[in-house]
Amino acid sequence: MKKIGYIICFMVFILAGCSKTIGKNEEVFYNPYIQNLITYNGQSKEVELWDPADNQLQYPTGEADVYVDGNSQTNEFILMKIDKSEITELYDFPKNEGVFPIGEKDGTIYFVHSFYQEDGKEYLDKRTLSALDLNTKEVTDYTNAEGLIDYGVVGDEAIYYTVYDDDQDLYSLMKINYSDTSQSPETIKTGLQDGIVLLDGQELYYSDGKKLISDNHEFKKESVNFFYQGSLFQFYLNEEGSLSLKMTNPKDDSVYSEEDIEGIRLEDDQVKICKPGQVINHDL
């Protein structure tokens, strides 16, 4: 299944504590294009993958510095938190359950929940939306959220998500109240060419495959697209094949761009951008 939507270097694994220490000169960033955490060593200027294992990916949850780390081959997923000195495991999901986060609200992580057979094939009829309470570690399923759920985003009062129709090769945009796990979802749009859905405050975006579209704005769709602090972050490969970042403010159409991106880290009203040999701070 597709899932986008975000931060490693040499780390020592401490078995007893289920944590990984971060080196003295290291900073942790996230590369949303390859969906991997990387580390940047400020002394050696080297960048390395946190976990170079095949099929090992990390997904941002929407909660600051909390990520899902999962392997699409072994179907093992954990929830982890990144601090300045270590990365700590918060929750170990049952084996053969896929966890693809779509957002966070009030201490709860929301995610697309997949289930796999022992041979690795997905039980397609079991895919659903679920929520994990970070305090109690209790997982709750949305019992009427069904189908091939693809993308999703968490708003102030509702979850918006898309469902893929394999027969028609089209998507439907759905809405469900995040606080009511037994509610029947509401259909917002049908016949969409693309499954991506985004929120900028209360402004909802969907896609026709080429553009990101809301009631008030249209933007060209890139490889990776998400909103943070009122800015549209877009990642794509330039003509030279290096990762580029374009940040657009929809209020005034101002654009900030960088090339040769290794990774980013979002910190309140600032984005830290890791490039070869340097880290740039940009205020939002």
Protein backbone atom coordinates (compact mmCIF):
# COMPACT_ATOMS: atom_id res chain seq x y z
CA MET A 1 0.00 0.00 0.00
CA LYS A 2 1.07 3.59 -0.56
CA LYS A 3 1.74 5.87 2.33
CA ILE A 4 3.36 9.08 2.56
CA GLY A 5 3.29 11.23 4.17
CA TYR A 6 8.38 12.07 7.44
CA ILE A 7 14.02 11.82 10.43
CA ILE A 8 20.01 8.58 11.62
CA CYS A 9 23.82 7.75 11.64
CA PHE A 10 25.77 5.32 13.80
CA MET A 11 23.80 4.27 16.88
CA VAL A 12 24.50 1.73 19.60
CA PHE A 13 21.67 -0.65 20.41
CA ILE A 14 20.98 -1.19 24.10
CA LEU A 15 19.08 -4.46 24.27
CA ALA A 16 17.75 -4.26 27.80
CA GLY A 17 16.28 -0.79 27.45
CA CYS A 18 14.99 -1.14 23.88
CA SER A 19 16.66 2.18 23.05
CA LYS A 20 19.39 3.47 20.78
CA THR A 21 21.80 6.16 21.84
CA ILE A 22 22.56 9.09 19.57
CA GLY A 23 26.21 10.07 19.26
CA LYS A 24 27.58 13.27 20.77
CA ASN A 25 28.08 15.01 17.43
CA GLU A 26 25.02 13.57 15.72
CA GLU A 27 21.66 15.04 14.79
CA VAL A 28 18.66 13.05 13.61
CA PHE A 29 16.74 14.09 10.49
CA TYR A 30 14.04 12.57 8.31
CA ASN A 31 14.08 12.07 4.56
CA PRO A 32 10.42 11.93 3.49
CA TYR A 33 11.26 10.95 -0.09
CA ILE A 34 12.84 7.62 0.88
CA GLN A 35 10.91 7.44 4.18
CA ASN A 36 14.02 6.91 6.27
CA LEU A 37 15.59 8.48 9.32
CA ILE A 38 19.15 9.63 8.81
CA THR A 39 21.85 10.99 11.10
CA TYR A 40 24.21 13.83 10.37
CA ASN A 41 27.57 14.00 12.16
CA GLY A 42 28.48 17.65 12.63
CA GLN A 43 32.16 16.79 13.12
CA SER A 44 32.76 14.38 10.23
CA LYS A 45 29.99 15.90 8.04
CA GLU A 46 28.84 12.36 7.21
CA VAL A 47 25.23 11.28 6.65
CA GLU A 48 24.10 7.70 7.24
CA LEU A 49 20.86 5.77 7.36
CA TRP A 50 19.74 4.89 10.86
CA ASP A 51 18.75 1.41 9.76
CA PRO A 52 20.04 0.32 6.32
CA ALA A 53 18.14 -3.00 6.40
CA ASP A 54 16.09 -3.81 3.32
CA ASN A 55 12.43 -2.76 3.49
CA GLN A 56 12.96 -0.90 6.78
CA LEU A 57 11.04 2.38 6.73
CA GLN A 58 10.04 5.07 9.20
CA TYR A 59 6.80 7.06 9.19
CA PRO A 60 6.08 10.32 11.05
CA THR A 61 2.97 10.20 13.23
CA GLY A 62 2.21 13.90 13.52
CA GLU A 63 3.32 13.91 17.17
CA ALA A 64 6.66 15.69 17.54
CA ASP A 65 9.57 13.24 17.33
CA VAL A 66 7.34 10.15 17.45
CA TYR A 67 7.68 7.72 14.52
CA VAL A 68 6.55 4.29 13.44
CA ASP A 69 9.45 2.03 12.43
CA GLY A 70 8.34 -0.88 10.28
CA ASN A 71 9.58 -3.59 7.97
CA SER A 72 7.38 -4.47 4.99
CA GLN A 73 9.05 -7.89 4.60
CA THR A 74 8.87 -9.17 8.17
CA ASN A 75 5.71 -7.14 8.94
CA GLU A 76 7.04 -6.02 12.31
CA PHE A 77 6.24 -2.47 13.45
CA ILE A 78 7.08 -0.45 16.55
CA LEU A 79 6.33 3.06 17.80
CA MET A 80 9.39 5.05 18.91
CA LYS A 81 10.30 8.48 20.24
CA ILE A 82 13.40 10.48 19.28
CA ASP A 83 15.13 12.58 21.93
CA LYS A 84 18.43 14.44 21.59
CA SER A 85 20.40 11.61 23.18
CA GLU A 86 18.44 8.46 22.34
CA ILE A 87 15.63 6.79 20.43
CA THR A 88 13.26 4.84 22.69
CA GLU A 89 10.65 2.21 21.84
CA LEU A 90 7.17 3.19 23.05
CA TYR A 91 5.04 0.33 21.77
CA ASP A 92 5.56 -2.98 19.96
CA PHE A 93 2.68 -3.77 17.61
CA PRO A 94 1.68 -7.42 17.14
CA LYS A 95 3.56 -9.19 14.35
CA ASN A 96 1.81 -9.25 10.97
CA GLU A 97 0.00 -5.98 11.64
CA GLY A 98 0.95 -3.02 9.44
CA VAL A 99 0.81 0.48 10.93
CA PHE A 100 0.79 3.52 8.63
CA PRO A 101 0.15 6.74 10.62
CA ILE A 102 -1.99 9.56 9.23
CA GLY A 103 -1.90 12.03 12.11
CA GLU A 104 -2.12 12.78 15.83
CA LYS A 105 -4.63 14.60 18.01
CA ASP A 106 -4.77 15.06 21.78
CA GLY A 107 -2.30 12.28 22.57
CA THR A 108 -3.76 9.74 20.15
CA ILE A 109 -2.06 8.41 17.02
CA TYR A 110 -4.36 7.59 14.09
CA PHE A 111 -3.27 5.12 11.44
CA VAL A 112 -4.23 2.86 8.56
CA HIS A 113 -4.24 -0.63 10.06
CA SER A 114 -3.34 -3.60 7.85
CA PHE A 115 -3.25 -7.31 8.67
CA TYR A 116 -1.02 -9.91 7.00
CA GLN A 117 -0.97 -13.65 6.51
CA GLU A 118 2.09 -15.69 7.45
CA ASP A 119 3.24 -15.65 3.82
CA GLY A 120 3.19 -11.84 3.85
CA LYS A 121 0.03 -11.34 1.81
CA GLU A 122 -2.40 -8.79 3.17
CA TYR A 123 -5.93 -9.63 4.28
CA LEU A 124 -7.40 -6.90 2.10
CA ASP A 125 -10.86 -7.20 3.65
CA LYS A 126 -9.47 -6.43 7.13
CA ARG A 127 -7.82 -3.08 6.41
CA THR A 128 -9.27 -0.33 8.61
CA LEU A 129 -8.59 2.89 10.49
CA SER A 130 -7.36 2.59 14.07
CA ALA A 131 -6.27 4.79 16.97
CA LEU A 132 -3.53 4.28 19.57
CA ASP A 133 -3.81 6.17 22.86
CA LEU A 134 -0.23 7.14 23.77
CA ASN A 135 -1.02 7.07 27.50
CA THR A 136 -2.87 3.77 27.83
CA LYS A 137 -1.33 2.11 24.72
CA GLU A 138 -4.83 0.89 23.85
CA VAL A 139 -5.62 0.34 20.15
CA THR A 140 -9.19 0.99 18.96
CA ASP A 141 -10.53 0.19 15.48
CA TYR A 142 -13.05 2.26 13.54
CA THR A 143 -15.48 -0.56 12.89
CA ASN A 144 -17.17 0.94 9.82
CA ALA A 145 -14.06 2.27 8.07
CA GLU A 146 -13.62 -0.37 5.40
CA GLY A 147 -12.08 -0.97 1.98
CA LEU A 148 -8.63 -0.34 0.55
CA ILE A 149 -7.90 2.73 2.66
CA ASP A 150 -4.96 4.59 1.16
CA TYR A 151 -4.20 8.08 2.50
CA GLY A 152 -5.64 9.96 5.45
CA VAL A 153 -5.37 13.14 7.50
CA VAL A 154 -6.65 14.12 10.95
CA GLY A 155 -8.56 17.39 11.34
CA ASP A 156 -9.94 19.18 14.39
CA GLU A 157 -13.18 17.24 14.39
CA ALA A 158 -12.89 14.58 11.71
CA ILE A 159 -10.64 12.17 9.86
CA TYR A 160 -10.55 12.45 6.08
CA TYR A 161 -9.33 9.44 4.13
CA THR A 162 -9.44 7.91 0.67
CA VAL A 163 -10.51 4.42 -0.37
CA TYR A 164 -9.24 2.79 -3.56
CA ASP A 165 -11.62 0.99 -5.92
CA ASP A 166 -9.49 -1.64 -7.65
CA ASP A 167 -12.11 -2.40 -10.32
CA GLN A 168 -12.46 1.22 -11.46
CA ASP A 169 -8.93 2.37 -10.56
CA LEU A 170 -10.46 5.37 -8.79
CA TYR A 171 -10.62 6.76 -5.25
CA SER A 172 -13.39 7.97 -2.97
CA LEU A 173 -12.84 10.67 -0.34
CA MET A 174 -14.46 9.84 3.00
CA LYS A 175 -15.04 11.63 6.31
CA ILE A 176 -15.55 10.16 9.77
CA ASN A 177 -15.77 11.71 13.25
CA TYR A 178 -12.53 10.86 15.04
CA SER A 179 -14.29 10.63 18.43
CA ASP A 180 -16.91 8.09 17.26
CA THR A 181 -15.33 4.75 16.38
CA SER A 182 -18.65 3.16 15.37
CA GLN A 183 -19.89 5.94 13.07
CA SER A 184 -20.62 5.19 9.43
CA PRO A 185 -18.33 7.30 7.22
CA GLU A 186 -19.64 10.09 5.00
CA THR A 187 -18.72 10.16 1.31
CA ILE A 188 -17.32 13.57 0.28
CA LYS A 189 -16.18 12.89 -3.30
CA THR A 190 -16.02 9.96 -5.70
CA GLY A 191 -14.21 9.25 -8.96
CA LEU A 192 -10.87 10.75 -7.91
CA GLN A 193 -7.78 9.88 -9.94
CA ASP A 194 -5.44 10.08 -6.93
CA GLY A 195 -5.66 9.06 -3.29
CA ILE A 196 -3.74 11.88 -1.61
CA VAL A 197 -5.65 14.06 0.88
CA LEU A 198 -4.20 17.01 2.83
CA LEU A 199 -5.36 19.61 5.36
CA ASP A 200 -4.14 23.17 5.84
CA GLY A 201 -6.03 24.23 8.95
CA GLN A 202 -9.65 23.75 7.88
CA GLU A 203 -8.86 23.79 4.14
CA LEU A 204 -9.15 20.34 2.60
CA TYR A 205 -7.11 19.32 -0.45
CA TYR A 206 -7.56 16.37 -2.78
CA SER A 207 -5.82 15.56 -6.07
CA ASP A 208 -6.67 14.83 -9.70
CA GLY A 209 -3.29 13.16 -10.10
CA LYS A 210 -1.51 16.28 -11.33
CA LYS A 211 -2.69 19.05 -8.99
CA LEU A 212 -3.50 19.53 -5.32
CA ILE A 213 -6.96 21.10 -5.25
CA SER A 214 -8.99 22.89 -2.56
CA ASP A 215 -11.93 25.30 -2.76
CA ASN A 216 -9.48 28.22 -2.78
CA HIS A 217 -6.13 27.03 -4.16
CA GLU A 218 -4.44 24.76 -6.67
CA PHE A 219 -0.82 23.61 -6.60
CA LYS A 220 1.17 21.28 -8.79
CA LYS A 221 1.48 17.90 -7.10
CA GLU A 222 5.02 16.70 -6.38
CA SER A 223 6.42 13.36 -5.16
CA VAL A 224 5.91 14.21 -1.47
CA ASN A 225 3.40 16.81 -0.27
CA PHE A 226 2.32 17.88 3.23
CA PHE A 227 1.33 20.98 5.20
CA TYR A 228 3.08 22.21 8.33
CA GLN A 229 2.49 25.50 10.15
CA GLY A 230 0.58 26.94 7.21
CA SER A 231 3.22 26.10 4.59
CA LEU A 232 3.03 23.49 1.84
CA PHE A 233 6.16 21.32 1.88
CA GLN A 234 6.91 19.58 -1.42
CA PHE A 235 9.81 17.25 -2.20
CA TYR A 236 10.89 16.13 -5.66
CA LEU A 237 13.98 15.11 -7.62
CA ASN A 238 15.42 17.89 -9.78
CA GLU A 239 16.95 17.42 -13.24
CA GLU A 240 20.28 16.43 -11.67
CA GLY A 241 18.57 13.78 -9.58
CA SER A 242 19.08 15.44 -6.20
CA LEU A 243 16.27 15.89 -3.71
CA SER A 244 14.75 19.37 -3.73
CA LEU A 245 12.37 21.11 -1.31
CA LYS A 246 9.85 23.81 -2.15
CA MET A 247 7.87 25.51 0.62
CA THR A 248 4.87 27.62 -0.40
CA ASN A 249 2.77 29.90 1.79
CA PRO A 250 -0.76 29.78 0.31
CA LYS A 251 -1.67 33.12 1.92
CA ASP A 252 0.75 35.16 -0.19
CA ASP A 253 2.18 32.56 -2.62
CA SER A 254 5.70 33.20 -1.31
CA VAL A 255 8.13 30.36 -2.04
CA TYR A 256 11.29 29.19 -0.29
CA SER A 257 13.36 26.45 -1.92
CA GLU A 258 16.48 24.38 -1.30
CA GLU A 259 18.27 21.64 -3.25
CA ASP A 260 20.54 18.72 -2.34
CA ILE A 261 18.37 17.79 0.63
CA GLU A 262 19.54 14.96 2.91
CA GLY A 263 16.73 15.32 5.45
CA ILE A 264 14.70 17.75 7.54
CA ARG A 265 13.54 18.18 11.12
CA LEU A 266 10.49 20.22 12.06
CA GLU A 267 10.80 22.20 15.29
CA ASP A 268 7.81 24.39 16.18
CA ASP A 269 8.09 27.46 13.90
CA GLN A 270 11.35 26.38 12.29
CA VAL A 271 12.57 23.74 9.86
CA LYS A 272 16.13 22.43 10.07
CA ILE A 273 17.41 21.32 6.67
CA CYS A 274 20.32 18.90 6.40
CA LYS A 275 22.40 19.33 3.24
CA PRO A 276 25.86 17.96 2.36
CA GLY A 277 28.23 19.29 5.00
CA GLN A 278 25.81 21.72 6.65
CA VAL A 279 22.53 22.28 8.46
CA ILE A 280 20.36 25.28 7.56
CA ASN A 281 17.73 26.76 9.89
CA HIS A 282 14.71 28.38 8.24
CA ASP A 283 12.00 30.21 10.19
CA LEU A 284 8.42 29.58 9.11
